[in-house]
Every structure is written in structure tokens, then in C-alpha cells.
Amino acid sequence: MTLETIIFLFVAGALGGALNSVAGGGSFIAFPALLFSGVPPIPANATNTIALWTGTAASGGAYRKHLDVPRRVLIPLLAASLTGGVAGACLLLKTPAHTFMRVLPWLTLGATLLFAFGKKIAGGRRSVIEHETSRLALAGATLFQLCVGVYGGYFGGGMGIVMLAMLAALGMTNIHAMNALKSVMGSVINGVAVVTFIIAGAIYWRHGIVMILGGIAGGYMGAHYAQKMPQVWIRWFVVLVGAGMTVYFFWKSY
């Protein structure tokens, strides 16, 4: 690789990691960057996953003081994330990634609207995540997270927006607490996908290591500075990112 390519991939990884730490959508920067640098689509998707997984893990460390979820809620959500991540990664290795392109804009549109109006949907009730949770609510959240896990292991673009939307609909209002839980679940999904891709030999390591370093730097710094901003700013940023992703993928797909 040339020095220009190394700098390009590092910056793309840092931007993707920072975006994932706040709103999600980092794949829409890192994935095209890998394609542009000459990596084929399926290995680019796999390499993108390992690069941004490290950034998500780093942002989770920055958000750790905001993670306060009962164990009886956290364990089922993490189990669903793990199961879905493995299933999605295996699916990616058997089918081309472009099969989701027509569904993707509708998914990001629905997720953005769900996040934007999550408070109204929740109806002012206490969060079913942060407080005592009924079995029915927990089962619904777990099933939803399983679907997110499959999608995340398969492609993952906009996965953070979808998880934030789910948490908003379930009554969570603290955006930093939501990002903390999103980071943990995203780390599990991408972590098991990474193991699957490594076993399958699908990673382009020279490109991936450069993006990993950028992703770690961007993920931690993005989460660190986001916590210093008013929550309403972060919410609007998430909505704007989601709207931008929706417009982009409608344009690419139709």
C-alpha cells in the first residue's frame, strides 16, 4: 500500500469509529473507502466489520459509566446479539451483500422515524430497559435485537440507528445511556462476526490493521466528546445522520 492509501484508510476508520460512537452509520464511510482502495466487496464488508468493531469497543469504554441495565435484561439482549451476529456473518459468506440494497433505505427510514418519535411512542412511560421489565416487553426487545444482530452480522450499515430507535421506543430517554447499551450490544454482534470472518479467511489484514487503529482513535474520542454536548444536540445529530443515510440509499437503490 502507498502512504496515501494508509492515510486515507486511517482517516476513514477514525471517522467511521467516531460516527458509530454517537449515531451509527460508520460503515457508510469505512466500507466505500475499502472498495476505493481495491478490496473486493465481500472481503471489504468483512474487513470493515473488524475495523469498526474495535472502534465500537473503544467507545463502549468511554460510555461505561452510563451503562446501568439490570442483568435480567442485559443477558437476553446480549445472547440475542451473539446469536444474530453469527447467523448474519454466515449468511454474508454465502450470499452477495447487494441483496439487501433495496431493503436498506426502508430500514434506515423506519429506524430514523422511530428514533425521532420514540418519546411519543413510549407515551411517557418509564423505560422498560432501565426499570422493572415485564416478560412480554423483554421478549419483544430480545426478538427485535435478534433481528438487528442478523442484519449487523450480514452488513451492519445503520445498525446503530436501528438499536437507538428500539431503545427509544422502549422508553429510554438518556442518549448517553442509550449509546452505552448500543455500544455493548454492537460490540457483541460485530465481535462474533469478526471471529467468523477470521476463521473463513475473509479479512484483508493490511488494510484492516490501518483501519483498526483509526477506528479505535475515532471511537474513543467521539464518545468522549459527545458526552460533553447537550443531549438534544446528539439526538438531532442522530436524526440528521439517519436522514442522510436514508436519502443516500434510496438514491443508490432506485
Protein backbone atom coordinates (compact mmCIF):
# COMPACT_ATOMS: atom_id res chain seq x y z
CA MET A 1 0.00 0.00 0.00
CA THR A 2 1.10 3.56 -0.66
CA LEU A 3 1.42 6.15 2.10
CA GLU A 4 -1.59 7.97 0.63
CA THR A 5 -3.71 4.81 0.91
CA ILE A 6 -2.61 4.25 4.51
CA ILE A 7 -3.54 7.82 5.49
CA PHE A 8 -6.82 7.56 3.59
CA LEU A 9 -7.83 4.32 5.33
CA PHE A 10 -6.77 5.59 8.77
CA VAL A 11 -8.86 8.75 8.41
CA ALA A 12 -11.83 6.74 7.09
CA GLY A 13 -11.56 4.36 10.06
CA ALA A 14 -11.37 7.26 12.52
CA LEU A 15 -14.40 8.99 11.01
CA GLY A 16 -16.34 5.73 10.91
CA GLY A 17 -15.46 4.93 14.52
CA ALA A 18 -16.44 8.42 15.69
CA LEU A 19 -19.75 8.29 13.81
CA ASN A 20 -20.57 4.84 15.22
CA SER A 21 -19.85 6.03 18.77
CA VAL A 22 -22.55 8.70 18.52
CA ALA A 23 -25.16 7.70 15.98
CA GLY A 24 -24.15 4.69 13.89
CA GLY A 25 -23.55 4.62 10.16
CA GLY A 26 -19.76 4.40 10.26
CA SER A 27 -19.89 1.58 7.69
CA PHE A 28 -21.07 4.10 5.10
CA ILE A 29 -17.65 5.74 5.35
CA ALA A 30 -15.35 2.77 6.02
CA PHE A 31 -16.91 0.29 3.55
CA PRO A 32 -16.70 2.55 0.45
CA ALA A 33 -13.16 3.54 1.49
CA LEU A 34 -12.08 -0.11 1.37
CA LEU A 35 -13.75 -0.59 -2.02
CA PHE A 36 -11.98 2.52 -3.31
CA SER A 37 -8.62 1.14 -2.12
CA GLY A 38 -9.11 -2.02 -4.19
CA VAL A 39 -10.63 -4.54 -1.74
CA PRO A 40 -13.41 -6.74 -3.29
CA PRO A 41 -16.97 -6.28 -1.87
CA ILE A 42 -17.28 -9.33 0.41
CA PRO A 43 -13.77 -9.03 1.95
CA ALA A 44 -14.36 -5.26 2.22
CA ASN A 45 -17.51 -5.92 4.24
CA ALA A 46 -15.65 -8.36 6.49
CA THR A 47 -12.64 -6.03 6.91
CA ASN A 48 -14.95 -3.10 7.61
CA THR A 49 -16.60 -5.12 10.37
CA ILE A 50 -13.36 -5.89 12.20
CA ALA A 51 -12.13 -2.30 11.85
CA LEU A 52 -15.26 -0.69 13.26
CA TRP A 53 -15.73 -3.38 15.90
CA THR A 54 -12.60 -2.14 17.63
CA GLY A 55 -13.94 1.42 17.44
CA THR A 56 -17.26 0.35 18.95
CA ALA A 57 -15.46 -1.43 21.78
CA ALA A 58 -13.38 1.70 22.43
CA SER A 59 -16.48 3.92 22.53
CA GLY A 60 -18.08 1.45 24.96
CA GLY A 61 -15.16 2.07 27.30
CA ALA A 62 -15.79 5.81 27.15
CA TYR A 63 -19.51 5.31 27.88
CA ARG A 64 -19.03 2.69 30.64
CA LYS A 65 -20.22 4.95 33.49
CA HIS A 66 -23.59 5.34 31.76
CA LEU A 67 -24.28 1.60 31.49
CA ASP A 68 -26.80 0.76 34.23
CA VAL A 69 -29.03 -2.04 32.96
CA PRO A 70 -30.42 -4.89 35.14
CA ARG A 71 -28.72 -8.21 34.49
CA ARG A 72 -32.04 -9.97 33.75
CA VAL A 73 -32.48 -7.53 30.85
CA LEU A 74 -28.87 -7.29 29.68
CA ILE A 75 -28.19 -11.05 29.39
CA PRO A 76 -31.08 -11.87 26.98
CA LEU A 77 -30.20 -8.85 24.80
CA LEU A 78 -26.54 -9.89 24.63
CA ALA A 79 -27.50 -13.52 23.88
CA ALA A 80 -29.72 -12.33 21.03
CA SER A 81 -26.90 -10.11 19.75
CA LEU A 82 -24.43 -13.01 19.78
CA THR A 83 -26.79 -15.46 18.05
CA GLY A 84 -27.86 -12.97 15.42
CA GLY A 85 -24.30 -11.83 14.73
CA VAL A 86 -23.13 -15.37 13.98
CA ALA A 87 -26.15 -16.06 11.75
CA GLY A 88 -25.71 -12.83 9.81
CA ALA A 89 -21.97 -13.35 9.28
CA CYS A 90 -22.54 -16.87 7.97
CA LEU A 91 -25.24 -15.52 5.64
CA LEU A 92 -22.84 -12.89 4.27
CA LEU A 93 -20.23 -15.51 3.42
CA LYS A 94 -22.81 -17.41 1.34
CA THR A 95 -24.65 -14.58 -0.43
CA PRO A 96 -23.65 -11.25 -2.04
CA ALA A 97 -24.12 -8.15 0.10
CA HIS A 98 -26.08 -6.24 -2.58
CA THR A 99 -29.20 -8.33 -1.90
CA PHE A 100 -30.03 -6.01 1.00
CA MET A 101 -29.67 -2.81 -1.03
CA ARG A 102 -33.36 -2.46 -1.85
CA VAL A 103 -34.42 -3.13 1.73
CA LEU A 104 -31.76 -0.96 3.36
CA PRO A 105 -33.26 2.52 2.67
CA TRP A 106 -36.64 1.46 4.08
CA LEU A 107 -34.92 0.08 7.16
CA THR A 108 -32.98 3.28 7.79
CA LEU A 109 -36.10 5.41 7.12
CA GLY A 110 -38.15 3.42 9.63
CA ALA A 111 -35.37 3.45 12.19
CA THR A 112 -34.84 7.21 11.89
CA LEU A 113 -38.55 7.94 12.30
CA LEU A 114 -38.77 5.51 15.21
CA PHE A 115 -35.86 7.20 16.95
CA ALA A 116 -37.17 10.72 16.25
CA PHE A 117 -40.62 9.97 17.65
CA GLY A 118 -39.59 7.35 20.23
CA LYS A 119 -40.68 9.52 23.16
CA LYS A 120 -44.21 9.86 21.77
CA ILE A 121 -44.37 6.15 21.00
CA ALA A 122 -43.27 5.34 24.55
CA GLY A 123 -46.10 7.57 25.79
CA GLY A 124 -44.10 8.97 28.68
CA ARG A 125 -43.90 5.61 30.43
CA ARG A 126 -40.81 4.58 32.35
CA SER A 127 -38.19 2.77 30.35
CA VAL A 128 -38.70 -0.98 30.20
CA ILE A 129 -34.94 -1.33 29.88
CA GLU A 130 -33.79 0.77 32.81
CA HIS A 131 -36.51 -0.30 35.26
CA GLU A 132 -38.57 -3.37 36.07
CA THR A 133 -39.39 -5.12 32.81
CA SER A 134 -42.37 -7.33 32.03
CA ARG A 135 -41.64 -10.68 30.42
CA LEU A 136 -43.60 -9.70 27.33
CA ALA A 137 -41.67 -6.44 26.86
CA LEU A 138 -38.36 -8.23 27.40
CA ALA A 139 -39.29 -10.96 24.92
CA GLY A 140 -40.22 -8.36 22.31
CA ALA A 141 -36.98 -6.43 22.82
CA THR A 142 -34.95 -9.65 22.63
CA LEU A 143 -36.64 -10.76 19.40
CA PHE A 144 -36.06 -7.34 17.86
CA GLN A 145 -32.40 -7.41 18.90
CA LEU A 146 -32.01 -10.88 17.36
CA CYS A 147 -33.13 -9.42 14.01
CA VAL A 148 -30.73 -6.49 14.46
CA GLY A 149 -27.96 -9.00 15.20
CA VAL A 150 -28.59 -10.91 11.96
CA TYR A 151 -28.59 -7.65 10.00
CA GLY A 152 -25.46 -6.43 11.80
CA GLY A 153 -23.52 -9.61 11.12
CA TYR A 154 -24.59 -9.51 7.47
CA PHE A 155 -23.96 -5.87 6.60
CA GLY A 156 -24.42 -3.60 9.61
CA GLY A 157 -24.79 -0.23 7.86
CA GLY A 158 -27.13 1.83 10.05
CA MET A 159 -27.23 -0.85 12.78
CA GLY A 160 -26.59 1.76 15.47
CA ILE A 161 -29.54 3.86 14.31
CA VAL A 162 -31.81 0.79 14.45
CA MET A 163 -30.71 -0.08 18.02
CA LEU A 164 -31.14 3.51 19.21
CA ALA A 165 -34.63 3.51 17.68
CA MET A 166 -35.54 0.33 19.55
CA LEU A 167 -34.30 1.73 22.85
CA ALA A 168 -36.19 4.99 22.28
CA ALA A 169 -39.41 3.09 21.56
CA LEU A 170 -38.88 1.10 24.77
CA GLY A 171 -38.84 4.34 26.77
CA MET A 172 -35.15 5.18 27.21
CA THR A 173 -34.54 8.94 27.17
CA ASN A 174 -30.90 9.41 28.21
CA ILE A 175 -28.98 9.41 24.92
CA HIS A 176 -25.68 8.63 26.65
CA ALA A 177 -27.17 5.59 28.42
CA MET A 178 -28.67 4.51 25.09
CA ASN A 179 -25.30 4.84 23.37
CA ALA A 180 -23.65 2.86 26.17
CA LEU A 181 -26.04 -0.08 25.75
CA LYS A 182 -25.86 0.22 21.95
CA SER A 183 -22.06 0.04 22.11
CA VAL A 184 -22.11 -3.13 24.23
CA MET A 185 -24.64 -4.91 22.01
CA GLY A 186 -22.88 -3.73 18.85
CA SER A 187 -19.55 -4.99 20.18
CA VAL A 188 -21.04 -8.46 20.70
CA ILE A 189 -22.66 -8.56 17.24
CA ASN A 190 -19.56 -7.42 15.40
CA GLY A 191 -17.26 -9.41 17.69
CA VAL A 192 -18.77 -12.79 16.82
CA ALA A 193 -18.99 -11.75 13.16
CA VAL A 194 -15.28 -10.93 13.26
CA VAL A 195 -14.43 -14.38 14.62
CA THR A 196 -16.48 -15.95 11.82
CA PHE A 197 -14.74 -13.85 9.15
CA ILE A 198 -11.28 -14.62 10.55
CA ILE A 199 -11.96 -18.37 10.51
CA ALA A 200 -13.20 -18.06 6.92
CA GLY A 201 -10.07 -16.10 5.91
CA ALA A 202 -12.15 -13.18 4.61
CA ILE A 203 -10.12 -10.33 6.18
CA TYR A 204 -7.68 -8.17 4.21
CA TRP A 205 -5.28 -7.65 7.11
CA ARG A 206 -3.00 -4.95 5.67
CA HIS A 207 -5.97 -2.69 5.05
CA GLY A 208 -7.75 -3.83 8.19
CA ILE A 209 -4.94 -3.06 10.64
CA VAL A 210 -4.72 0.54 9.41
CA MET A 211 -8.49 0.98 9.79
CA ILE A 212 -8.45 -0.70 13.21
CA LEU A 213 -6.03 1.91 14.51
CA GLY A 214 -8.17 4.70 13.08
CA GLY A 215 -11.36 3.13 14.41
CA ILE A 216 -10.01 2.89 17.97
CA ALA A 217 -8.92 6.53 17.96
CA GLY A 218 -12.15 7.80 16.42
CA GLY A 219 -14.45 5.60 18.53
CA TYR A 220 -13.00 6.66 21.88
CA MET A 221 -12.61 10.35 21.04
CA GLY A 222 -16.09 10.54 19.50
CA ALA A 223 -17.73 9.03 22.58
CA HIS A 224 -15.62 11.14 24.95
CA TYR A 225 -16.53 14.47 23.39
CA ALA A 226 -20.16 13.54 22.67
CA GLN A 227 -20.77 13.24 26.42
CA LYS A 228 -19.79 16.88 26.85
CA MET A 229 -22.52 18.08 24.47
CA PRO A 230 -26.22 18.70 25.32
CA GLN A 231 -28.29 15.57 24.76
CA VAL A 232 -30.67 17.40 22.39
CA TRP A 233 -27.72 18.14 20.08
CA ILE A 234 -26.79 14.47 19.97
CA ARG A 235 -30.41 13.50 19.28
CA TRP A 236 -30.63 15.90 16.35
CA PHE A 237 -27.29 14.65 15.05
CA VAL A 238 -28.59 11.06 15.12
CA VAL A 239 -31.74 12.10 13.22
CA LEU A 240 -29.70 14.01 10.61
CA VAL A 241 -27.33 11.07 10.11
CA GLY A 242 -30.28 8.70 9.73
CA ALA A 243 -31.99 11.03 7.24
CA GLY A 244 -28.77 11.36 5.24
CA MET A 245 -28.27 7.59 5.11
CA THR A 246 -31.89 7.10 4.01
CA VAL A 247 -31.62 9.59 1.16
CA TYR A 248 -28.29 8.13 0.04
CA PHE A 249 -29.53 4.54 -0.10
CA PHE A 250 -32.78 5.44 -1.83
CA TRP A 251 -30.66 7.19 -4.44
CA LYS A 252 -28.31 4.20 -4.79
CA SER A 253 -31.04 1.57 -4.90
CA TYR A 254 -33.74 3.05 -7.15
